Amino acid sequence: MSKLRRQLSAGITNNVETKNLEDIRKRTGNIYESIAIVGKRANQINISLKEELHNKLDEFASHTDSLEEIHENKEQIEISRAYERMPNPALLATQEFLEDKIYFRKEEDELFS
């Protein structure tokens, strides 16, 4: 298991659990800003996981253009299943947000500073 996947999925279940909206809102003062931050972080996580998965699967890729039957690679299937069992990137991002592990800043702060 890669370092990224271990860090991201440590202690987080695959099941969706309801979160207290007040806990999410109080981090920024606005529920919509909080959700936008979580969404952007979820996209970052998703992109990095996709890149990691494709890099691992490329190791098993056959680069021949023959018409031979494609054999199932058990290691490739196990890697894919491991990524499928991981929590959704939105769940990971929400957990990071609630634990104050996401750094964010408002544009207004930069404009008036």
N, C-alpha and C. Protein backbone atom coordinates (compact mmCIF):
# COMPACT_ATOMS: atom_id res chain seq x y z
N MET A 1 0.85 -1.17 0.00
CA MET A 1 0.00 0.00 0.00
C MET A 1 0.89 1.23 0.00
N SER A 2 0.57 2.19 -0.82
CA SER A 2 1.41 3.37 -0.95
C SER A 2 1.26 4.28 0.25
N LYS A 3 2.23 5.14 0.40
CA LYS A 3 2.25 6.09 1.51
C LYS A 3 1.03 7.01 1.44
N LEU A 4 0.69 7.47 0.26
CA LEU A 4 -0.45 8.37 0.08
C LEU A 4 -1.75 7.69 0.50
N ARG A 5 -1.96 6.47 0.05
CA ARG A 5 -3.19 5.77 0.39
C ARG A 5 -3.27 5.49 1.87
N ARG A 6 -2.17 5.14 2.50
CA ARG A 6 -2.17 4.89 3.95
C ARG A 6 -2.54 6.15 4.71
N GLN A 7 -1.97 7.27 4.31
CA GLN A 7 -2.26 8.53 4.98
C GLN A 7 -3.71 8.93 4.80
N LEU A 8 -4.21 8.74 3.60
CA LEU A 8 -5.56 9.21 3.31
C LEU A 8 -6.65 8.35 3.93
N SER A 9 -6.44 7.06 3.96
CA SER A 9 -7.52 6.20 4.41
C SER A 9 -7.39 5.75 5.86
N ALA A 10 -6.46 6.29 6.59
CA ALA A 10 -6.26 5.88 7.98
C ALA A 10 -7.45 6.29 8.83
N GLY A 11 -8.18 5.31 9.31
CA GLY A 11 -9.27 5.57 10.24
C GLY A 11 -10.53 6.12 9.62
N ILE A 12 -10.66 6.09 8.31
CA ILE A 12 -11.86 6.61 7.65
C ILE A 12 -12.61 5.44 7.03
N THR A 13 -13.89 5.36 7.31
CA THR A 13 -14.69 4.27 6.76
C THR A 13 -15.16 4.62 5.36
N ASN A 14 -15.56 3.61 4.61
CA ASN A 14 -16.10 3.82 3.27
C ASN A 14 -17.54 4.30 3.30
N ASN A 15 -18.18 4.18 4.45
CA ASN A 15 -19.58 4.55 4.56
C ASN A 15 -19.73 6.04 4.80
N VAL A 16 -20.75 6.60 4.22
CA VAL A 16 -21.04 8.01 4.40
C VAL A 16 -21.71 8.19 5.75
N GLU A 17 -21.21 9.12 6.52
CA GLU A 17 -21.79 9.44 7.82
C GLU A 17 -22.22 10.90 7.80
N THR A 18 -23.31 11.19 8.46
CA THR A 18 -23.77 12.58 8.52
C THR A 18 -22.80 13.39 9.37
N LYS A 19 -22.59 14.60 8.95
CA LYS A 19 -21.71 15.52 9.66
C LYS A 19 -22.54 16.70 10.15
N ASN A 20 -22.12 17.28 11.24
CA ASN A 20 -22.79 18.45 11.78
C ASN A 20 -22.43 19.66 10.91
N LEU A 21 -23.42 20.26 10.30
CA LEU A 21 -23.16 21.40 9.42
C LEU A 21 -22.56 22.57 10.17
N GLU A 22 -22.88 22.71 11.43
CA GLU A 22 -22.31 23.80 12.22
C GLU A 22 -20.80 23.64 12.36
N ASP A 23 -20.32 22.40 12.50
CA ASP A 23 -18.88 22.16 12.57
C ASP A 23 -18.20 22.53 11.26
N ILE A 24 -18.86 22.27 10.17
CA ILE A 24 -18.30 22.61 8.85
C ILE A 24 -18.34 24.11 8.63
N ARG A 25 -19.45 24.75 8.99
CA ARG A 25 -19.61 26.18 8.78
C ARG A 25 -18.66 27.01 9.62
N LYS A 26 -18.42 26.61 10.86
CA LYS A 26 -17.64 27.46 11.76
C LYS A 26 -16.17 27.60 11.36
N ARG A 27 -15.67 26.74 10.52
CA ARG A 27 -14.27 26.84 10.08
C ARG A 27 -14.05 28.08 9.20
N THR A 28 -15.04 28.43 8.39
CA THR A 28 -14.89 29.58 7.50
C THR A 28 -15.90 30.68 7.78
N GLY A 29 -16.96 30.35 8.48
CA GLY A 29 -18.02 31.32 8.72
C GLY A 29 -19.13 31.23 7.69
N ASN A 30 -18.93 30.41 6.66
CA ASN A 30 -19.93 30.28 5.60
C ASN A 30 -19.93 28.83 5.11
N ILE A 31 -21.08 28.20 5.14
CA ILE A 31 -21.19 26.79 4.75
C ILE A 31 -20.79 26.59 3.30
N TYR A 32 -21.12 27.53 2.43
CA TYR A 32 -20.81 27.39 1.00
C TYR A 32 -19.31 27.48 0.75
N GLU A 33 -18.64 28.36 1.45
CA GLU A 33 -17.18 28.45 1.31
C GLU A 33 -16.53 27.15 1.80
N SER A 34 -17.02 26.63 2.91
CA SER A 34 -16.47 25.39 3.45
C SER A 34 -16.64 24.25 2.47
N ILE A 35 -17.82 24.15 1.88
CA ILE A 35 -18.07 23.08 0.92
C ILE A 35 -17.21 23.25 -0.33
N ALA A 36 -17.00 24.49 -0.75
CA ALA A 36 -16.14 24.74 -1.91
C ALA A 36 -14.70 24.31 -1.61
N ILE A 37 -14.23 24.57 -0.41
CA ILE A 37 -12.88 24.17 -0.02
C ILE A 37 -12.76 22.65 0.00
N VAL A 38 -13.75 21.98 0.57
CA VAL A 38 -13.76 20.52 0.62
C VAL A 38 -13.79 19.96 -0.80
N GLY A 39 -14.60 20.56 -1.66
CA GLY A 39 -14.68 20.10 -3.06
C GLY A 39 -13.37 20.23 -3.79
N LYS A 40 -12.68 21.34 -3.59
CA LYS A 40 -11.38 21.53 -4.26
C LYS A 40 -10.35 20.52 -3.75
N ARG A 41 -10.37 20.27 -2.45
CA ARG A 41 -9.43 19.29 -1.90
C ARG A 41 -9.76 17.88 -2.40
N ALA A 42 -11.05 17.57 -2.50
CA ALA A 42 -11.46 16.26 -3.02
C ALA A 42 -10.96 16.08 -4.45
N ASN A 43 -11.02 17.14 -5.26
CA ASN A 43 -10.49 17.05 -6.63
C ASN A 43 -8.99 16.80 -6.62
N GLN A 44 -8.26 17.46 -5.73
CA GLN A 44 -6.81 17.23 -5.63
C GLN A 44 -6.51 15.78 -5.26
N ILE A 45 -7.24 15.27 -4.28
CA ILE A 45 -7.03 13.88 -3.85
C ILE A 45 -7.34 12.94 -5.00
N ASN A 46 -8.46 13.19 -5.68
CA ASN A 46 -8.87 12.32 -6.78
C ASN A 46 -7.83 12.29 -7.89
N ILE A 47 -7.29 13.44 -8.24
CA ILE A 47 -6.28 13.51 -9.30
C ILE A 47 -5.02 12.74 -8.90
N SER A 48 -4.58 12.92 -7.66
CA SER A 48 -3.35 12.23 -7.24
C SER A 48 -3.57 10.73 -7.16
N LEU A 49 -4.74 10.29 -6.72
CA LEU A 49 -5.02 8.85 -6.66
C LEU A 49 -5.11 8.25 -8.05
N LYS A 50 -5.72 8.97 -8.99
CA LYS A 50 -5.80 8.48 -10.37
C LYS A 50 -4.42 8.34 -10.99
N GLU A 51 -3.58 9.35 -10.77
CA GLU A 51 -2.22 9.29 -11.30
C GLU A 51 -1.47 8.10 -10.72
N GLU A 52 -1.59 7.91 -9.42
CA GLU A 52 -0.91 6.81 -8.77
C GLU A 52 -1.41 5.47 -9.29
N LEU A 53 -2.72 5.33 -9.43
CA LEU A 53 -3.30 4.09 -9.94
C LEU A 53 -2.85 3.81 -11.36
N HIS A 54 -2.89 4.83 -12.22
CA HIS A 54 -2.48 4.63 -13.62
C HIS A 54 -0.99 4.28 -13.71
N ASN A 55 -0.19 4.90 -12.87
CA ASN A 55 1.25 4.55 -12.88
C ASN A 55 1.47 3.11 -12.48
N LYS A 56 0.74 2.64 -11.48
CA LYS A 56 0.89 1.25 -11.05
C LYS A 56 0.37 0.30 -12.12
N LEU A 57 -0.74 0.64 -12.74
CA LEU A 57 -1.31 -0.24 -13.76
C LEU A 57 -0.48 -0.24 -15.03
N ASP A 58 0.22 0.86 -15.32
CA ASP A 58 1.08 0.92 -16.50
C ASP A 58 2.25 -0.06 -16.39
N GLU A 59 2.64 -0.39 -15.17
CA GLU A 59 3.71 -1.37 -14.99
C GLU A 59 3.32 -2.73 -15.55
N PHE A 60 2.03 -3.02 -15.56
CA PHE A 60 1.54 -4.31 -16.03
C PHE A 60 1.04 -4.26 -17.47
N ALA A 61 1.03 -3.08 -18.06
CA ALA A 61 0.47 -2.93 -19.40
C ALA A 61 1.33 -3.64 -20.44
N SER A 62 0.65 -4.24 -21.38
CA SER A 62 1.33 -4.90 -22.49
C SER A 62 1.34 -3.92 -23.65
N HIS A 63 2.50 -3.66 -24.19
CA HIS A 63 2.61 -2.66 -25.26
C HIS A 63 2.74 -3.31 -26.63
N THR A 64 2.21 -4.49 -26.77
CA THR A 64 2.25 -5.15 -28.07
C THR A 64 0.89 -5.00 -28.74
N ASP A 65 0.91 -4.89 -30.04
CA ASP A 65 -0.31 -4.71 -30.81
C ASP A 65 -0.77 -6.01 -31.46
N SER A 66 -0.50 -7.10 -30.83
CA SER A 66 -0.91 -8.38 -31.41
C SER A 66 -2.37 -8.67 -31.06
N LEU A 67 -2.95 -9.60 -31.76
CA LEU A 67 -4.34 -9.96 -31.53
C LEU A 67 -4.47 -11.11 -30.54
N GLU A 68 -3.41 -11.38 -29.80
CA GLU A 68 -3.46 -12.46 -28.84
C GLU A 68 -4.45 -12.14 -27.73
N GLU A 69 -4.94 -13.18 -27.11
CA GLU A 69 -5.88 -13.02 -26.02
C GLU A 69 -5.20 -12.31 -24.86
N ILE A 70 -5.90 -11.37 -24.27
CA ILE A 70 -5.36 -10.63 -23.14
C ILE A 70 -5.56 -11.46 -21.87
N HIS A 71 -4.49 -11.71 -21.18
CA HIS A 71 -4.56 -12.50 -19.96
C HIS A 71 -4.83 -11.59 -18.77
N GLU A 72 -5.66 -12.07 -17.88
CA GLU A 72 -5.93 -11.30 -16.68
C GLU A 72 -4.73 -11.39 -15.76
N ASN A 73 -4.31 -10.27 -15.30
CA ASN A 73 -3.18 -10.21 -14.40
C ASN A 73 -3.73 -10.07 -12.97
N LYS A 74 -3.48 -11.05 -12.14
CA LYS A 74 -4.03 -11.05 -10.79
C LYS A 74 -3.54 -9.87 -9.97
N GLU A 75 -2.29 -9.48 -10.12
CA GLU A 75 -1.77 -8.34 -9.38
C GLU A 75 -2.46 -7.05 -9.79
N GLN A 76 -2.72 -6.92 -11.08
CA GLN A 76 -3.40 -5.74 -11.59
C GLN A 76 -4.82 -5.67 -11.03
N ILE A 77 -5.49 -6.79 -10.96
CA ILE A 77 -6.85 -6.84 -10.42
C ILE A 77 -6.84 -6.49 -8.94
N GLU A 78 -5.87 -6.99 -8.20
CA GLU A 78 -5.79 -6.69 -6.77
C GLU A 78 -5.53 -5.21 -6.52
N ILE A 79 -4.69 -4.60 -7.34
CA ILE A 79 -4.42 -3.16 -7.21
C ILE A 79 -5.71 -2.37 -7.46
N SER A 80 -6.44 -2.74 -8.50
CA SER A 80 -7.69 -2.06 -8.80
C SER A 80 -8.70 -2.22 -7.68
N ARG A 81 -8.80 -3.40 -7.13
CA ARG A 81 -9.74 -3.65 -6.02
C ARG A 81 -9.36 -2.84 -4.78
N ALA A 82 -8.07 -2.73 -4.52
CA ALA A 82 -7.63 -1.96 -3.35
C ALA A 82 -8.04 -0.50 -3.49
N TYR A 83 -7.92 0.04 -4.69
CA TYR A 83 -8.32 1.43 -4.90
C TYR A 83 -9.83 1.59 -4.84
N GLU A 84 -10.56 0.57 -5.27
CA GLU A 84 -12.02 0.63 -5.19
C GLU A 84 -12.50 0.59 -3.75
N ARG A 85 -11.78 -0.09 -2.87
CA ARG A 85 -12.18 -0.19 -1.47
C ARG A 85 -11.84 1.07 -0.68
N MET A 86 -11.02 1.93 -1.24
CA MET A 86 -10.65 3.15 -0.53
C MET A 86 -11.85 4.06 -0.36
N PRO A 87 -11.84 4.89 0.68
CA PRO A 87 -12.92 5.86 0.85
C PRO A 87 -12.96 6.85 -0.30
N ASN A 88 -14.13 7.36 -0.55
CA ASN A 88 -14.34 8.35 -1.60
C ASN A 88 -13.49 9.59 -1.30
N PRO A 89 -12.91 10.25 -2.32
CA PRO A 89 -12.12 11.46 -2.08
C PRO A 89 -12.89 12.56 -1.34
N ALA A 90 -14.19 12.64 -1.54
CA ALA A 90 -14.98 13.64 -0.82
C ALA A 90 -15.02 13.34 0.68
N LEU A 91 -15.10 12.05 1.03
CA LEU A 91 -15.07 11.68 2.44
C LEU A 91 -13.72 12.00 3.06
N LEU A 92 -12.66 11.72 2.31
CA LEU A 92 -11.31 12.02 2.79
C LEU A 92 -11.12 13.53 2.99
N ALA A 93 -11.58 14.30 2.02
CA ALA A 93 -11.42 15.75 2.09
C ALA A 93 -12.24 16.34 3.24
N THR A 94 -13.43 15.82 3.45
CA THR A 94 -14.26 16.31 4.55
C THR A 94 -13.60 16.02 5.88
N GLN A 95 -13.04 14.83 6.02
CA GLN A 95 -12.36 14.47 7.27
C GLN A 95 -11.14 15.37 7.49
N GLU A 96 -10.38 15.62 6.45
CA GLU A 96 -9.22 16.52 6.57
C GLU A 96 -9.67 17.91 6.98
N PHE A 97 -10.76 18.38 6.39
CA PHE A 97 -11.26 19.72 6.70
C PHE A 97 -11.68 19.82 8.16
N LEU A 98 -12.38 18.81 8.65
CA LEU A 98 -12.85 18.83 10.03
C LEU A 98 -11.70 18.70 11.03
N GLU A 99 -10.60 18.11 10.60
CA GLU A 99 -9.43 17.96 11.48
C GLU A 99 -8.43 19.09 11.28
N ASP A 100 -8.81 20.13 10.55
CA ASP A 100 -7.95 21.30 10.28
C ASP A 100 -6.64 20.92 9.61
N LYS A 101 -6.67 19.97 8.69
CA LYS A 101 -5.48 19.55 7.97
C LYS A 101 -5.40 20.21 6.59
N ILE A 102 -6.36 21.07 6.25
CA ILE A 102 -6.37 21.73 4.95
C ILE A 102 -6.03 23.20 5.17
N TYR A 103 -5.04 23.67 4.43
CA TYR A 103 -4.70 25.09 4.47
C TYR A 103 -5.46 25.79 3.37
N PHE A 104 -6.12 26.89 3.72
CA PHE A 104 -6.84 27.69 2.73
C PHE A 104 -6.78 29.15 3.13
N ARG A 105 -6.98 29.99 2.15
CA ARG A 105 -7.04 31.43 2.43
C ARG A 105 -8.06 32.04 1.49
N LYS A 106 -8.59 33.17 1.89
CA LYS A 106 -9.58 33.86 1.07
C LYS A 106 -8.88 34.87 0.18
N GLU A 107 -9.41 35.07 -1.01
CA GLU A 107 -8.84 36.06 -1.92
C GLU A 107 -8.91 37.45 -1.34
N GLU A 108 -10.00 37.75 -0.61
CA GLU A 108 -10.16 39.07 -0.02
C GLU A 108 -8.99 39.42 0.89
N ASP A 109 -8.49 38.42 1.64
CA ASP A 109 -7.38 38.65 2.54
C ASP A 109 -6.14 39.10 1.77
N GLU A 110 -5.94 38.54 0.59
CA GLU A 110 -4.78 38.90 -0.21
C GLU A 110 -4.94 40.29 -0.83
N LEU A 111 -6.16 40.63 -1.26
CA LEU A 111 -6.39 41.89 -1.94
C LEU A 111 -6.25 43.08 -1.01
N PHE A 112 -6.63 42.93 0.24
CA PHE A 112 -6.63 44.06 1.15
C PHE A 112 -5.41 44.08 2.07
N SER A 113 -4.53 43.13 1.92
CA SER A 113 -3.36 43.08 2.80
C SER A 113 -2.27 44.01 2.32
